[in-house]
All heavy atoms as atom14 arrays in JSON, in Angstrom:
{
  "sequence": "AMGWFRQAPGKEREFVAHISRNGGTYYADSVKGRFTISRDNAKNT",
  "atom14_mask": [
    [1, 1, 1, 1, 1, 0, 0, 0, 0, 0, 0, 0, 0, 0],
    [1, 1, 1, 1, 1, 1, 1, 1, 0, 0, 0, 0, 0, 0],
    [1, 1, 1, 1, 0, 0, 0, 0, 0, 0, 0, 0, 0, 0],
    [1, 1, 1, 1, 1, 1, 1, 1, 1, 1, 1, 1, 1, 1],
    [1, 1, 1, 1, 1, 1, 1, 1, 1, 1, 1, 0, 0, 0],
    [1, 1, 1, 1, 1, 1, 1, 1, 1, 1, 1, 0, 0, 0],
    [1, 1, 1, 1, 1, 1, 1, 1, 1, 0, 0, 0, 0, 0],
    [1, 1, 1, 1, 1, 0, 0, 0, 0, 0, 0, 0, 0, 0],
    [1, 1, 1, 1, 1, 1, 1, 0, 0, 0, 0, 0, 0, 0],
    [1, 1, 1, 1, 0, 0, 0, 0, 0, 0, 0, 0, 0, 0],
    [1, 1, 1, 1, 1, 1, 1, 1, 1, 0, 0, 0, 0, 0],
    [1, 1, 1, 1, 1, 1, 1, 1, 1, 0, 0, 0, 0, 0],
    [1, 1, 1, 1, 1, 1, 1, 1, 1, 1, 1, 0, 0, 0],
    [1, 1, 1, 1, 1, 1, 1, 1, 1, 0, 0, 0, 0, 0],
    [1, 1, 1, 1, 1, 1, 1, 1, 1, 1, 1, 0, 0, 0],
    [1, 1, 1, 1, 1, 1, 1, 0, 0, 0, 0, 0, 0, 0],
    [1, 1, 1, 1, 1, 0, 0, 0, 0, 0, 0, 0, 0, 0],
    [1, 1, 1, 1, 1, 1, 1, 1, 1, 1, 0, 0, 0, 0],
    [1, 1, 1, 1, 1, 1, 1, 1, 0, 0, 0, 0, 0, 0],
    [1, 1, 1, 1, 1, 1, 0, 0, 0, 0, 0, 0, 0, 0],
    [1, 1, 1, 1, 1, 1, 1, 1, 1, 1, 1, 0, 0, 0],
    [1, 1, 1, 1, 1, 1, 1, 1, 0, 0, 0, 0, 0, 0],
    [1, 1, 1, 1, 0, 0, 0, 0, 0, 0, 0, 0, 0, 0],
    [1, 1, 1, 1, 0, 0, 0, 0, 0, 0, 0, 0, 0, 0],
    [1, 1, 1, 1, 1, 1, 1, 0, 0, 0, 0, 0, 0, 0],
    [1, 1, 1, 1, 1, 1, 1, 1, 1, 1, 1, 1, 0, 0],
    [1, 1, 1, 1, 1, 1, 1, 1, 1, 1, 1, 1, 0, 0],
    [1, 1, 1, 1, 1, 0, 0, 0, 0, 0, 0, 0, 0, 0],
    [1, 1, 1, 1, 1, 1, 1, 1, 0, 0, 0, 0, 0, 0],
    [1, 1, 1, 1, 1, 1, 0, 0, 0, 0, 0, 0, 0, 0],
    [1, 1, 1, 1, 1, 1, 1, 0, 0, 0, 0, 0, 0, 0],
    [1, 1, 1, 1, 1, 1, 1, 1, 1, 0, 0, 0, 0, 0],
    [1, 1, 1, 1, 0, 0, 0, 0, 0, 0, 0, 0, 0, 0],
    [1, 1, 1, 1, 1, 1, 1, 1, 1, 1, 1, 0, 0, 0],
    [1, 1, 1, 1, 1, 1, 1, 1, 1, 1, 1, 0, 0, 0],
    [1, 1, 1, 1, 1, 1, 1, 0, 0, 0, 0, 0, 0, 0],
    [1, 1, 1, 1, 1, 1, 1, 1, 0, 0, 0, 0, 0, 0],
    [1, 1, 1, 1, 1, 1, 0, 0, 0, 0, 0, 0, 0, 0],
    [1, 1, 1, 1, 1, 1, 1, 1, 1, 1, 1, 0, 0, 0],
    [1, 1, 1, 1, 1, 1, 1, 1, 0, 0, 0, 0, 0, 0],
    [1, 1, 1, 1, 1, 1, 1, 1, 0, 0, 0, 0, 0, 0],
    [1, 1, 1, 1, 1, 0, 0, 0, 0, 0, 0, 0, 0, 0],
    [1, 1, 1, 1, 1, 1, 1, 1, 1, 0, 0, 0, 0, 0],
    [1, 1, 1, 1, 1, 1, 1, 1, 0, 0, 0, 0, 0, 0],
    [1, 1, 1, 1, 1, 1, 1, 0, 0, 0, 0, 0, 0, 0]
  ],
  "atom14_positions": [
    [[48.32, 4.22, 38.09], [49.14, 3.02, 37.95], [50.59, 3.46, 37.89], [50.91, 4.54, 37.4], [48.76, 2.25, 36.7], [0.0, 0.0, 0.0], [0.0, 0.0, 0.0], [0.0, 0.0, 0.0], [0.0, 0.0, 0.0], [0.0, 0.0, 0.0], [0.0, 0.0, 0.0], [0.0, 0.0, 0.0], [0.0, 0.0, 0.0], [0.0, 0.0, 0.0]],
    [[51.48, 2.62, 38.38], [52.88, 3.0, 38.5], [53.77, 1.99, 37.79], [53.47, 0.8, 37.73], [53.3, 3.06, 39.98], [52.46, 4.0, 40.83], [52.66, 5.74, 40.37], [54.39, 5.99, 40.76], [0.0, 0.0, 0.0], [0.0, 0.0, 0.0], [0.0, 0.0, 0.0], [0.0, 0.0, 0.0], [0.0, 0.0, 0.0], [0.0, 0.0, 0.0]],
    [[54.87, 2.49, 37.28], [55.83, 1.63, 36.61], [57.25, 1.97, 36.98], [57.55, 3.08, 37.43], [0.0, 0.0, 0.0], [0.0, 0.0, 0.0], [0.0, 0.0, 0.0], [0.0, 0.0, 0.0], [0.0, 0.0, 0.0], [0.0, 0.0, 0.0], [0.0, 0.0, 0.0], [0.0, 0.0, 0.0], [0.0, 0.0, 0.0], [0.0, 0.0, 0.0]],
    [[58.12, 0.99, 36.82], [59.56, 1.2, 36.92], [60.19, 0.9, 35.57], [59.88, -0.13, 34.94], [60.2, 0.29, 37.97], [59.96, 0.72, 39.39], [59.02, 0.26, 40.25], [60.72, 1.69, 40.12], [59.12, 0.87, 41.47], [60.16, 1.76, 41.42], [61.81, 2.51, 39.81], [60.66, 2.62, 42.41], [62.3, 3.37, 40.79], [61.73, 3.42, 42.06]],
    [[61.08, 1.78, 35.14], [61.85, 1.61, 33.93], [63.32, 1.82, 34.25], [63.66, 2.37, 35.3], [61.4, 2.61, 32.85], [60.01, 2.38, 32.35], [58.9, 2.76, 33.1], [59.78, 1.78, 31.11], [57.62, 2.54, 32.65], [58.5, 1.57, 30.64], [57.42, 1.94, 31.4], [0.0, 0.0, 0.0], [0.0, 0.0, 0.0], [0.0, 0.0, 0.0]],
    [[64.19, 1.4, 33.36], [65.61, 1.62, 33.56], [66.29, 1.92, 32.24], [65.81, 1.54, 31.18], [66.27, 0.42, 34.24], [66.3, -0.85, 33.39], [66.8, -2.03, 34.23], [66.91, -3.25, 33.44], [67.2, -4.44, 33.96], [67.41, -4.57, 35.26], [67.27, -5.5, 33.17], [0.0, 0.0, 0.0], [0.0, 0.0, 0.0], [0.0, 0.0, 0.0]],
    [[67.41, 2.61, 32.33], [68.17, 2.96, 31.15], [69.66, 2.89, 31.46], [70.15, 3.6, 32.33], [67.8, 4.35, 30.65], [68.43, 4.72, 29.32], [67.82, 5.96, 28.71], [67.29, 6.81, 29.42], [67.89, 6.07, 27.39], [0.0, 0.0, 0.0], [0.0, 0.0, 0.0], [0.0, 0.0, 0.0], [0.0, 0.0, 0.0], [0.0, 0.0, 0.0]],
    [[70.35, 2.04, 30.74], [71.79, 1.93, 30.86], [72.45, 2.89, 29.88], [71.85, 3.27, 28.86], [72.24, 0.5, 30.59], [0.0, 0.0, 0.0], [0.0, 0.0, 0.0], [0.0, 0.0, 0.0], [0.0, 0.0, 0.0], [0.0, 0.0, 0.0], [0.0, 0.0, 0.0], [0.0, 0.0, 0.0], [0.0, 0.0, 0.0], [0.0, 0.0, 0.0]],
    [[73.69, 3.29, 30.15], [74.38, 4.2, 29.23], [74.44, 3.64, 27.81], [74.82, 2.49, 27.6], [75.78, 4.32, 29.83], [75.59, 4.04, 31.28], [74.51, 2.99, 31.33], [0.0, 0.0, 0.0], [0.0, 0.0, 0.0], [0.0, 0.0, 0.0], [0.0, 0.0, 0.0], [0.0, 0.0, 0.0], [0.0, 0.0, 0.0], [0.0, 0.0, 0.0]],
    [[74.05, 4.46, 26.86], [74.07, 4.04, 25.47], [72.95, 3.12, 25.06], [72.92, 2.67, 23.91], [0.0, 0.0, 0.0], [0.0, 0.0, 0.0], [0.0, 0.0, 0.0], [0.0, 0.0, 0.0], [0.0, 0.0, 0.0], [0.0, 0.0, 0.0], [0.0, 0.0, 0.0], [0.0, 0.0, 0.0], [0.0, 0.0, 0.0], [0.0, 0.0, 0.0]],
    [[72.04, 2.82, 25.98], [70.93, 1.91, 25.7], [69.61, 2.66, 25.76], [69.51, 3.74, 26.36], [70.91, 0.76, 26.69], [72.2, -0.06, 26.75], [72.4, -0.87, 25.48], [73.65, -1.73, 25.59], [73.54, -2.73, 26.69], [0.0, 0.0, 0.0], [0.0, 0.0, 0.0], [0.0, 0.0, 0.0], [0.0, 0.0, 0.0], [0.0, 0.0, 0.0]],
    [[68.6, 2.07, 25.16], [67.27, 2.64, 25.24], [66.63, 2.31, 26.58], [66.98, 1.33, 27.24], [66.39, 2.1, 24.12], [66.79, 2.54, 22.73], [65.8, 2.11, 21.67], [64.62, 1.87, 22.01], [66.2, 2.03, 20.51], [0.0, 0.0, 0.0], [0.0, 0.0, 0.0], [0.0, 0.0, 0.0], [0.0, 0.0, 0.0], [0.0, 0.0, 0.0]],
    [[65.71, 3.15, 26.99], [64.93, 2.9, 28.19], [64.15, 1.6, 28.03], [63.58, 1.33, 26.97], [63.98, 4.06, 28.44], [63.06, 3.9, 29.64], [62.11, 5.09, 29.72], [61.31, 5.21, 28.51], [60.64, 6.31, 28.17], [60.7, 7.39, 28.92], [59.92, 6.32, 27.06], [0.0, 0.0, 0.0], [0.0, 0.0, 0.0], [0.0, 0.0, 0.0]],
    [[64.11, 0.8, 29.07], [63.38, -0.45, 29.01], [62.47, -0.62, 30.22], [62.75, -0.15, 31.32], [64.32, -1.66, 28.89], [65.19, -1.9, 30.12], [65.99, -3.18, 30.01], [65.7, -4.01, 29.12], [66.92, -3.36, 30.82], [0.0, 0.0, 0.0], [0.0, 0.0, 0.0], [0.0, 0.0, 0.0], [0.0, 0.0, 0.0], [0.0, 0.0, 0.0]],
    [[61.38, -1.32, 29.98], [60.41, -1.6, 31.02], [60.96, -2.59, 32.03], [61.65, -3.55, 31.66], [59.14, -2.16, 30.38], [58.18, -2.77, 31.35], [57.39, -1.98, 32.17], [58.06, -4.15, 31.46], [56.5, -2.54, 33.07], [57.17, -4.72, 32.35], [56.39, -3.91, 33.16], [0.0, 0.0, 0.0], [0.0, 0.0, 0.0], [0.0, 0.0, 0.0]],
    [[60.64, -2.37, 33.3], [61.06, -3.27, 34.37], [59.86, -3.9, 35.07], [59.75, -5.12, 35.15], [61.94, -2.55, 35.4], [62.29, -3.48, 36.56], [63.21, -2.02, 34.74], [0.0, 0.0, 0.0], [0.0, 0.0, 0.0], [0.0, 0.0, 0.0], [0.0, 0.0, 0.0], [0.0, 0.0, 0.0], [0.0, 0.0, 0.0], [0.0, 0.0, 0.0]],
    [[58.95, -3.07, 35.58], [57.82, -3.58, 36.34], [56.69, -2.57, 36.36], [56.91, -1.37, 36.19], [58.24, -3.91, 37.79], [0.0, 0.0, 0.0], [0.0, 0.0, 0.0], [0.0, 0.0, 0.0], [0.0, 0.0, 0.0], [0.0, 0.0, 0.0], [0.0, 0.0, 0.0], [0.0, 0.0, 0.0], [0.0, 0.0, 0.0], [0.0, 0.0, 0.0]],
    [[55.48, -3.07, 36.59], [54.28, -2.24, 36.62], [53.37, -2.73, 37.73], [53.28, -3.94, 37.96], [53.56, -2.31, 35.27], [52.21, -1.65, 35.24], [52.04, -0.35, 34.8], [50.98, -2.11, 35.59], [50.75, -0.04, 34.89], [50.1, -1.09, 35.36], [0.0, 0.0, 0.0], [0.0, 0.0, 0.0], [0.0, 0.0, 0.0], [0.0, 0.0, 0.0]],
    [[52.69, -1.8, 38.39], [51.67, -2.16, 39.37], [50.44, -1.31, 39.1], [50.52, -0.08, 38.97], [52.18, -2.02, 40.81], [51.13, -2.55, 41.8], [52.58, -0.58, 41.14], [51.69, -2.79, 43.19], [0.0, 0.0, 0.0], [0.0, 0.0, 0.0], [0.0, 0.0, 0.0], [0.0, 0.0, 0.0], [0.0, 0.0, 0.0], [0.0, 0.0, 0.0]],
    [[49.29, -1.96, 39.01], [48.06, -1.27, 38.68], [47.49, -0.57, 39.9], [47.98, -0.7, 41.03], [47.04, -2.27, 38.13], [46.53, -3.09, 39.17], [0.0, 0.0, 0.0], [0.0, 0.0, 0.0], [0.0, 0.0, 0.0], [0.0, 0.0, 0.0], [0.0, 0.0, 0.0], [0.0, 0.0, 0.0], [0.0, 0.0, 0.0], [0.0, 0.0, 0.0]],
    [[46.42, 0.18, 39.67], [45.73, 0.85, 40.78], [45.24, -0.14, 41.82], [45.17, 0.18, 43.01], [44.55, 1.65, 40.25], [44.92, 2.82, 39.36], [43.69, 3.44, 38.75], [42.76, 3.9, 39.77], [41.56, 4.42, 39.52], [41.14, 4.56, 38.26], [40.78, 4.82, 40.51], [0.0, 0.0, 0.0], [0.0, 0.0, 0.0], [0.0, 0.0, 0.0]],
    [[44.91, -1.34, 41.37], [44.38, -2.36, 42.26], [45.42, -3.35, 42.75], [45.08, -4.32, 43.43], [43.25, -3.12, 41.57], [42.08, -2.23, 41.24], [41.71, -1.36, 42.02], [41.47, -2.45, 40.08], [0.0, 0.0, 0.0], [0.0, 0.0, 0.0], [0.0, 0.0, 0.0], [0.0, 0.0, 0.0], [0.0, 0.0, 0.0], [0.0, 0.0, 0.0]],
    [[46.68, -3.11, 42.41], [47.75, -3.94, 42.92], [48.22, -5.07, 42.03], [49.09, -5.84, 42.44], [0.0, 0.0, 0.0], [0.0, 0.0, 0.0], [0.0, 0.0, 0.0], [0.0, 0.0, 0.0], [0.0, 0.0, 0.0], [0.0, 0.0, 0.0], [0.0, 0.0, 0.0], [0.0, 0.0, 0.0], [0.0, 0.0, 0.0], [0.0, 0.0, 0.0]],
    [[47.65, -5.19, 40.84], [48.13, -6.19, 39.92], [49.53, -5.85, 39.44], [49.85, -4.69, 39.2], [0.0, 0.0, 0.0], [0.0, 0.0, 0.0], [0.0, 0.0, 0.0], [0.0, 0.0, 0.0], [0.0, 0.0, 0.0], [0.0, 0.0, 0.0], [0.0, 0.0, 0.0], [0.0, 0.0, 0.0], [0.0, 0.0, 0.0], [0.0, 0.0, 0.0]],
    [[50.38, -6.85, 39.29], [51.78, -6.61, 38.95], [52.17, -7.31, 37.66], [51.65, -8.39, 37.32], [52.71, -7.05, 40.08], [52.5, -8.45, 40.35], [52.43, -6.25, 41.34], [0.0, 0.0, 0.0], [0.0, 0.0, 0.0], [0.0, 0.0, 0.0], [0.0, 0.0, 0.0], [0.0, 0.0, 0.0], [0.0, 0.0, 0.0], [0.0, 0.0, 0.0]],
    [[53.14, -6.72, 36.97], [53.65, -7.24, 35.71], [55.15, -6.94, 35.67], [55.59, -5.89, 36.11], [52.95, -6.59, 34.52], [51.44, -6.67, 34.62], [50.72, -5.7, 35.29], [50.75, -7.74, 34.05], [49.34, -5.77, 35.4], [49.37, -7.83, 34.15], [48.67, -6.84, 34.82], [47.3, -6.93, 34.92], [0.0, 0.0, 0.0], [0.0, 0.0, 0.0]],
    [[55.9, -7.88, 35.09], [57.35, -7.77, 35.09], [57.95, -8.08, 33.74], [57.41, -8.9, 32.98], [57.96, -8.73, 36.11], [57.53, -8.47, 37.53], [56.45, -9.13, 38.08], [58.22, -7.57, 38.32], [56.05, -8.9, 39.39], [57.84, -7.32, 39.63], [56.75, -7.99, 40.16], [56.36, -7.76, 41.46], [0.0, 0.0, 0.0], [0.0, 0.0, 0.0]],
    [[59.06, -7.45, 33.46], [59.86, -7.85, 32.32], [60.44, -9.24, 32.59], [60.76, -9.59, 33.73], [60.99, -6.85, 32.08], [0.0, 0.0, 0.0], [0.0, 0.0, 0.0], [0.0, 0.0, 0.0], [0.0, 0.0, 0.0], [0.0, 0.0, 0.0], [0.0, 0.0, 0.0], [0.0, 0.0, 0.0], [0.0, 0.0, 0.0], [0.0, 0.0, 0.0]],
    [[60.59, -10.03, 31.54], [61.12, -11.38, 31.7], [62.51, -11.37, 32.34], [62.86, -12.29, 33.09], [61.18, -12.08, 30.35], [59.81, -12.46, 29.83], [58.85, -12.5, 30.62], [59.7, -12.73, 28.62], [0.0, 0.0, 0.0], [0.0, 0.0, 0.0], [0.0, 0.0, 0.0], [0.0, 0.0, 0.0], [0.0, 0.0, 0.0], [0.0, 0.0, 0.0]],
    [[63.28, -10.33, 32.08], [64.65, -10.28, 32.57], [64.74, -10.12, 34.08], [65.8, -10.42, 34.66], [65.4, -9.12, 31.89], [64.76, -7.89, 32.15], [0.0, 0.0, 0.0], [0.0, 0.0, 0.0], [0.0, 0.0, 0.0], [0.0, 0.0, 0.0], [0.0, 0.0, 0.0], [0.0, 0.0, 0.0], [0.0, 0.0, 0.0], [0.0, 0.0, 0.0]],
    [[63.67, -9.67, 34.72], [63.71, -9.46, 36.17], [62.7, -10.33, 36.91], [62.7, -10.34, 38.15], [63.47, -7.98, 36.53], [64.44, -7.09, 35.78], [62.03, -7.57, 36.25], [0.0, 0.0, 0.0], [0.0, 0.0, 0.0], [0.0, 0.0, 0.0], [0.0, 0.0, 0.0], [0.0, 0.0, 0.0], [0.0, 0.0, 0.0], [0.0, 0.0, 0.0]],
    [[61.87, -11.04, 36.21], [60.84, -11.86, 36.84], [61.47, -12.89, 37.77], [62.42, -13.57, 37.4], [59.99, -12.54, 35.77], [58.7, -13.16, 36.27], [57.86, -13.67, 35.1], [57.49, -12.54, 34.15], [56.64, -13.03, 33.02], [0.0, 0.0, 0.0], [0.0, 0.0, 0.0], [0.0, 0.0, 0.0], [0.0, 0.0, 0.0], [0.0, 0.0, 0.0]],
    [[60.94, -12.97, 38.98], [61.48, -13.88, 39.97], [62.55, -13.26, 40.84], [62.9, -13.84, 41.88], [0.0, 0.0, 0.0], [0.0, 0.0, 0.0], [0.0, 0.0, 0.0], [0.0, 0.0, 0.0], [0.0, 0.0, 0.0], [0.0, 0.0, 0.0], [0.0, 0.0, 0.0], [0.0, 0.0, 0.0], [0.0, 0.0, 0.0], [0.0, 0.0, 0.0]],
    [[63.09, -12.12, 40.43], [64.12, -11.44, 41.21], [63.65, -10.12, 41.79], [64.06, -9.73, 42.88], [65.37, -11.19, 40.36], [66.02, -12.45, 39.83], [67.35, -12.15, 39.17], [67.2, -11.28, 38.0], [67.79, -10.11, 37.85], [68.59, -9.63, 38.81], [67.61, -9.39, 36.75], [0.0, 0.0, 0.0], [0.0, 0.0, 0.0], [0.0, 0.0, 0.0]],
    [[62.81, -9.41, 41.05], [62.32, -8.09, 41.45], [60.86, -8.18, 41.85], [60.09, -8.97, 41.3], [62.45, -7.08, 40.31], [63.86, -6.71, 39.93], [64.96, -7.37, 40.44], [64.07, -5.66, 39.04], [66.25, -7.02, 40.07], [65.35, -5.3, 38.67], [66.44, -5.98, 39.18], [0.0, 0.0, 0.0], [0.0, 0.0, 0.0], [0.0, 0.0, 0.0]],
    [[60.47, -7.34, 42.8], [59.09, -7.25, 43.23], [58.67, -5.79, 43.34], [59.31, -5.01, 44.04], [58.87, -7.93, 44.59], [59.28, -9.3, 44.53], [57.4, -7.86, 44.99], [0.0, 0.0, 0.0], [0.0, 0.0, 0.0], [0.0, 0.0, 0.0], [0.0, 0.0, 0.0], [0.0, 0.0, 0.0], [0.0, 0.0, 0.0], [0.0, 0.0, 0.0]],
    [[57.61, -5.43, 42.64], [57.07, -4.08, 42.74], [55.9, -4.1, 43.72], [55.12, -5.06, 43.75], [56.62, -3.55, 41.36], [56.22, -2.07, 41.45], [55.5, -4.38, 40.76], [55.98, -1.42, 40.1], [0.0, 0.0, 0.0], [0.0, 0.0, 0.0], [0.0, 0.0, 0.0], [0.0, 0.0, 0.0], [0.0, 0.0, 0.0], [0.0, 0.0, 0.0]],
    [[55.79, -3.06, 44.52], [54.7, -2.95, 45.47], [54.37, -1.48, 45.67], [55.13, -0.6, 45.28], [55.05, -3.62, 46.81], [56.16, -2.98, 47.41], [0.0, 0.0, 0.0], [0.0, 0.0, 0.0], [0.0, 0.0, 0.0], [0.0, 0.0, 0.0], [0.0, 0.0, 0.0], [0.0, 0.0, 0.0], [0.0, 0.0, 0.0], [0.0, 0.0, 0.0]],
    [[53.22, -1.23, 46.29], [52.84, 0.15, 46.57], [52.22, 0.24, 47.94], [51.54, -0.69, 48.41], [51.89, 0.7, 45.49], [50.54, 0.01, 45.42], [49.77, 0.43, 44.17], [49.49, 1.86, 44.14], [49.21, 2.56, 43.05], [49.2, 1.96, 41.86], [48.95, 3.86, 43.14], [0.0, 0.0, 0.0], [0.0, 0.0, 0.0], [0.0, 0.0, 0.0]],
    [[52.46, 1.36, 48.6], [51.87, 1.67, 49.88], [51.1, 2.97, 49.69], [51.67, 4.06, 49.71], [52.93, 1.82, 50.96], [52.35, 1.98, 52.34], [51.19, 2.42, 52.47], [53.05, 1.66, 53.33], [0.0, 0.0, 0.0], [0.0, 0.0, 0.0], [0.0, 0.0, 0.0], [0.0, 0.0, 0.0], [0.0, 0.0, 0.0], [0.0, 0.0, 0.0]],
    [[49.8, 2.85, 49.47], [49.0, 4.02, 49.15], [48.94, 5.02, 50.31], [48.82, 6.22, 50.08], [47.59, 3.59, 48.75], [47.57, 2.87, 47.42], [48.44, 3.05, 46.58], [46.55, 2.04, 47.21], [0.0, 0.0, 0.0], [0.0, 0.0, 0.0], [0.0, 0.0, 0.0], [0.0, 0.0, 0.0], [0.0, 0.0, 0.0], [0.0, 0.0, 0.0]],
    [[49.02, 4.52, 51.53], [49.0, 5.42, 52.68], [50.24, 6.3, 52.72], [50.2, 7.4, 53.29], [48.88, 4.62, 53.97], [0.0, 0.0, 0.0], [0.0, 0.0, 0.0], [0.0, 0.0, 0.0], [0.0, 0.0, 0.0], [0.0, 0.0, 0.0], [0.0, 0.0, 0.0], [0.0, 0.0, 0.0], [0.0, 0.0, 0.0], [0.0, 0.0, 0.0]],
    [[51.33, 5.84, 52.13], [52.57, 6.59, 52.1], [52.84, 7.24, 50.75], [53.89, 7.87, 50.56], [53.75, 5.69, 52.46], [53.69, 5.14, 53.87], [54.9, 4.26, 54.16], [54.87, 3.72, 55.57], [56.04, 2.86, 55.86], [0.0, 0.0, 0.0], [0.0, 0.0, 0.0], [0.0, 0.0, 0.0], [0.0, 0.0, 0.0], [0.0, 0.0, 0.0]],
    [[51.94, 7.09, 49.81], [52.13, 7.62, 48.46], [53.46, 7.18, 47.87], [54.2, 7.97, 47.27], [52.04, 9.15, 48.46], [50.62, 9.67, 48.45], [49.67, 8.95, 48.72], [50.47, 10.95, 48.12], [0.0, 0.0, 0.0], [0.0, 0.0, 0.0], [0.0, 0.0, 0.0], [0.0, 0.0, 0.0], [0.0, 0.0, 0.0], [0.0, 0.0, 0.0]],
    [[53.77, 5.91, 48.03], [55.08, 5.41, 47.65], [54.96, 4.08, 46.92], [54.15, 3.22, 47.3], [55.98, 5.24, 48.88], [56.11, 6.5, 49.55], [57.36, 4.75, 48.49], [0.0, 0.0, 0.0], [0.0, 0.0, 0.0], [0.0, 0.0, 0.0], [0.0, 0.0, 0.0], [0.0, 0.0, 0.0], [0.0, 0.0, 0.0], [0.0, 0.0, 0.0]]
  ]
}
């Protein structure tokens, strides 16, 4: 399963998005509707 996190200067690391092995996605409220996480297993990306 894969996730995206971010960290601004002087701030703690925060969760952004997650995608499961089966493609289920989850988002932080702050980015929901604006960000999309996806995976291409054939490209390992």
